[in-house]
N, C-alpha and C. Protein backbone atom coordinates (compact mmCIF):
# COMPACT_ATOMS: atom_id res chain seq x y z
N UNK A 1 12.22 -1.63 -7.79
CA UNK A 1 10.90 -1.14 -7.92
C UNK A 1 10.95 0.54 -8.10
N UNK A 2 10.35 1.10 -8.79
CA UNK A 2 10.36 2.88 -8.97
C UNK A 2 9.16 2.88 -8.02
N UNK A 3 9.53 3.81 -6.95
CA UNK A 3 8.53 4.01 -6.03
C UNK A 3 7.75 5.85 -6.48
N UNK A 4 8.82 6.35 -7.19
CA UNK A 4 8.51 7.71 -7.70
C UNK A 4 7.14 7.65 -8.35
N UNK A 5 6.76 6.57 -9.31
CA UNK A 5 5.73 6.74 -10.01
C UNK A 5 4.62 6.34 -9.10
N UNK A 6 4.87 5.70 -7.88
CA UNK A 6 3.76 5.50 -7.06
C UNK A 6 3.04 6.59 -6.54
N UNK A 7 3.83 7.89 -6.35
CA UNK A 7 3.03 8.86 -6.06
C UNK A 7 1.98 9.56 -6.67
N UNK A 8 2.45 9.09 -8.18
CA UNK A 8 1.22 9.56 -9.21
C UNK A 8 0.09 9.12 -9.06
N UNK A 9 -0.06 7.85 -8.28
CA UNK A 9 -1.13 7.04 -8.10
C UNK A 9 -2.02 7.22 -7.10
N UNK A 10 -1.92 8.36 -6.57
CA UNK A 10 -2.60 8.81 -5.42
C UNK A 10 -4.33 8.95 -5.94
N UNK A 11 -5.04 8.46 -5.16
CA UNK A 11 -6.53 8.67 -5.52
C UNK A 11 -6.96 7.38 -6.38
N UNK A 12 -5.94 6.48 -7.02
CA UNK A 12 -6.23 5.56 -7.67
C UNK A 12 -5.97 4.13 -7.12
N UNK A 13 -6.53 2.86 -7.47
CA UNK A 13 -6.46 1.62 -7.00
C UNK A 13 -5.04 1.04 -7.54
N UNK A 14 -4.33 0.58 -6.35
CA UNK A 14 -3.05 -0.22 -6.67
C UNK A 14 -2.95 -1.42 -5.93
N UNK A 15 -2.10 -2.31 -6.50
CA UNK A 15 -1.92 -3.68 -5.65
C UNK A 15 -0.52 -3.39 -4.94
N UNK A 16 -0.29 -3.59 -3.81
CA UNK A 16 0.71 -3.45 -2.87
C UNK A 16 1.41 -4.94 -2.40
N UNK A 17 2.37 -4.91 -2.59
CA UNK A 17 3.05 -6.35 -1.98
C UNK A 17 4.17 -5.85 -1.16
N UNK A 18 4.15 -6.42 0.24
CA UNK A 18 4.99 -5.99 1.17
C UNK A 18 5.87 -7.02 1.67
N UNK A 19 7.04 -6.77 2.20
CA UNK A 19 8.13 -7.95 2.67
C UNK A 19 7.76 -8.95 3.35
N UNK A 20 6.36 -8.70 4.31
CA UNK A 20 6.09 -9.94 5.10
C UNK A 20 5.00 -10.59 4.51
N UNK A 21 5.00 -10.54 3.05
CA UNK A 21 4.00 -11.26 2.23
C UNK A 21 2.65 -10.72 2.13
N UNK A 22 2.50 -9.93 2.81
CA UNK A 22 1.07 -9.11 2.56
C UNK A 22 0.94 -8.44 1.08
N UNK A 23 -0.20 -8.75 0.73
CA UNK A 23 -0.79 -8.59 -0.53
C UNK A 23 -2.22 -8.00 -0.93
N UNK A 24 -2.14 -6.81 -0.96
CA UNK A 24 -3.46 -6.19 -1.07
C UNK A 24 -3.65 -5.30 -2.23
N UNK A 25 -5.16 -5.11 -2.72
CA UNK A 25 -5.49 -4.01 -3.67
C UNK A 25 -6.06 -2.95 -2.74
N UNK A 26 -5.61 -1.74 -2.98
CA UNK A 26 -6.00 -0.56 -2.04
C UNK A 26 -6.05 0.80 -2.85
N UNK A 27 -6.77 1.59 -2.39
CA UNK A 27 -7.05 3.07 -2.89
C UNK A 27 -5.66 3.74 -2.35
N UNK A 28 -4.89 4.37 -2.92
CA UNK A 28 -3.86 4.86 -2.54
C UNK A 28 -4.40 6.63 -1.98
N UNK A 29 -4.52 6.88 -0.82
CA UNK A 29 -5.00 8.19 -0.09
C UNK A 29 -4.33 9.37 -0.33
N UNK A 30 -2.88 8.92 0.51
CA UNK A 30 -1.86 9.94 0.50
C UNK A 30 -0.49 9.37 0.55
N UNK A 31 0.49 10.38 0.33
CA UNK A 31 1.81 10.26 0.55
C UNK A 31 2.35 10.96 1.37
N UNK A 32 3.46 11.18 2.19
CA UNK A 32 4.10 12.18 3.06
C UNK A 32 4.76 12.95 2.38
N UNK A 33 4.61 13.19 1.31
CA UNK A 33 5.16 14.27 0.33
C UNK A 33 5.93 15.49 1.27
N UNK A 34 7.19 15.86 1.23
CA UNK A 34 8.09 15.52 0.06
C UNK A 34 8.96 14.60 0.43
N UNK A 35 8.98 13.69 1.69
CA UNK A 35 9.67 12.75 2.20
C UNK A 35 9.48 11.56 1.46
N UNK A 36 8.23 11.17 1.06
CA UNK A 36 7.46 9.87 0.63
C UNK A 36 8.03 8.61 1.31
N UNK A 37 7.88 8.79 2.80
CA UNK A 37 8.48 7.85 3.80
C UNK A 37 7.13 6.79 4.10
N UNK A 38 6.06 7.23 4.10
CA UNK A 38 4.82 6.51 4.42
C UNK A 38 3.89 6.86 3.29
N UNK A 39 3.06 5.73 3.19
CA UNK A 39 1.85 5.96 2.29
C UNK A 39 0.61 5.56 3.04
N UNK A 40 -0.30 6.33 2.84
CA UNK A 40 -1.92 5.84 3.53
C UNK A 40 -2.74 5.40 2.17
N UNK A 41 -3.49 4.23 2.75
CA UNK A 41 -4.06 3.69 1.77
C UNK A 41 -5.42 2.89 2.28
N UNK A 42 -6.46 2.88 1.60
CA UNK A 42 -7.63 2.17 2.15
C UNK A 42 -7.82 0.79 1.11
N UNK A 43 -8.02 -0.23 2.31
CA UNK A 43 -7.91 -1.59 1.55
C UNK A 43 -9.17 -1.96 1.24
N UNK A 44 -9.10 -2.30 -0.36
CA UNK A 44 -10.39 -2.69 -0.95
C UNK A 44 -10.20 -4.51 -0.92
N UNK A 45 -9.23 -4.71 -0.96
CA UNK A 45 -9.12 -6.35 -1.21
C UNK A 45 -8.03 -6.83 -0.50
N UNK A 46 -8.03 -8.09 -0.12
CA UNK A 46 -6.75 -8.78 0.76
C UNK A 46 -6.56 -9.78 -0.02
N UNK A 47 -5.56 -10.23 -0.84
CA UNK A 47 -5.02 -11.36 -1.52
C UNK A 47 -4.23 -12.21 -0.74
N UNK A 48 -3.75 -11.53 0.27
CA UNK A 48 -2.88 -12.41 1.21
C UNK A 48 -2.39 -11.60 2.36
N UNK A 49 -2.61 -12.25 3.60
CA UNK A 49 -2.42 -11.60 4.78
C UNK A 49 -0.79 -11.24 5.13
N UNK A 50 -0.28 -10.76 5.75
CA UNK A 50 1.11 -11.04 6.20
C UNK A 50 1.38 -10.86 7.49
N UNK A 51 2.49 -10.74 7.94
CA UNK A 51 2.93 -11.20 9.41
C UNK A 51 3.24 -9.83 10.13
N UNK A 52 2.91 -8.61 9.56
CA UNK A 52 3.08 -7.30 10.04
C UNK A 52 2.24 -7.13 11.29
N UNK A 53 2.35 -6.08 12.16
CA UNK A 53 1.56 -5.63 13.13
C UNK A 53 0.18 -5.50 12.47
N UNK A 54 -0.01 -5.19 11.46
CA UNK A 54 -1.45 -4.82 11.12
C UNK A 54 -1.95 -5.78 10.12
N UNK A 55 -1.17 -7.29 10.26
CA UNK A 55 -1.86 -8.21 9.67
C UNK A 55 -3.13 -8.63 9.62
N UNK A 56 -3.84 -8.13 10.91
CA UNK A 56 -5.29 -8.28 10.88
C UNK A 56 -6.34 -7.43 10.02
N UNK A 57 -5.50 -6.70 9.32
CA UNK A 57 -6.04 -5.57 8.38
C UNK A 57 -7.34 -6.29 7.62
N UNK A 58 -8.45 -5.30 7.91
CA UNK A 58 -9.82 -5.88 7.14
C UNK A 58 -10.27 -4.96 6.05
N UNK A 59 -11.11 -5.37 4.98
CA UNK A 59 -11.49 -4.56 3.77
C UNK A 59 -12.06 -3.31 4.49
N UNK A 60 -11.95 -2.28 3.75
CA UNK A 60 -12.30 -0.81 4.34
C UNK A 60 -11.42 -0.07 5.28
N UNK A 61 -10.57 -0.79 6.09
CA UNK A 61 -9.50 -0.27 6.99
C UNK A 61 -8.51 0.84 6.32
N UNK A 62 -8.39 1.82 6.80
CA UNK A 62 -7.21 2.75 6.26
C UNK A 62 -5.86 2.58 6.95
N UNK A 63 -4.94 2.53 6.34
CA UNK A 63 -3.57 1.82 6.84
C UNK A 63 -2.60 2.86 6.54
N UNK A 64 -1.47 3.04 7.52
CA UNK A 64 -0.28 4.01 7.17
C UNK A 64 0.71 2.89 6.93
N UNK A 65 1.43 2.96 6.10
CA UNK A 65 2.89 1.88 5.85
C UNK A 65 3.85 2.54 5.37
N UNK A 66 5.09 1.95 5.82
CA UNK A 66 6.32 2.70 5.50
C UNK A 66 6.74 2.17 3.85
N UNK A 67 7.16 2.93 3.19
CA UNK A 67 7.37 2.53 1.89
C UNK A 67 8.54 1.63 1.90
N UNK A 68 9.53 1.63 2.73
CA UNK A 68 10.77 0.75 2.91
C UNK A 68 9.98 -0.73 3.22
N UNK A 69 8.68 -0.75 3.33
CA UNK A 69 8.21 -2.23 3.78
C UNK A 69 7.65 -2.96 2.23
N UNK A 70 7.54 -2.18 1.22
CA UNK A 70 7.12 -2.25 0.11
C UNK A 70 7.95 -3.21 -1.02
N UNK A 71 7.72 -4.22 -1.62
CA UNK A 71 8.47 -4.90 -2.30
C UNK A 71 8.14 -4.78 -3.80
N UNK A 72 6.84 -4.42 -4.09
CA UNK A 72 6.32 -4.25 -5.44
C UNK A 72 5.07 -3.57 -5.38
N UNK A 73 4.66 -2.78 -6.35
CA UNK A 73 3.23 -2.36 -6.49
C UNK A 73 3.11 -2.49 -7.98
N UNK A 74 1.61 -2.13 -8.37
CA UNK A 74 0.96 -2.28 -9.69
C UNK A 74 -0.09 -1.31 -9.68
N UNK A 75 -0.02 -0.67 -10.80
CA UNK A 75 -1.68 -0.25 -10.88
C UNK A 75 -2.72 -0.91 -11.48
N UNK A 76 -3.89 -1.02 -10.65
CA UNK A 76 -4.94 -1.76 -10.83
C UNK A 76 -5.73 -1.15 -11.75
N UNK A 77 -6.00 0.06 -11.77
CA UNK A 77 -6.90 0.77 -12.74
C UNK A 77 -6.46 2.11 -13.13
């Protein structure tokens, strides 16, 4: 997975898949440049909840997640 292209998606909708099985569509709000260790996103749609501490995430929630927890991402729009 090429995370470097994820940084170019700030402000856009992406689908994020995490190691714990969580699968969400979200608007990528920010990355913690230059380290790119965390991303901040607003949840738009939940395809599958995961087992992470924020597995109770709801639509509209703003979440900070470690990029190390990402297994895949896709641009949606």
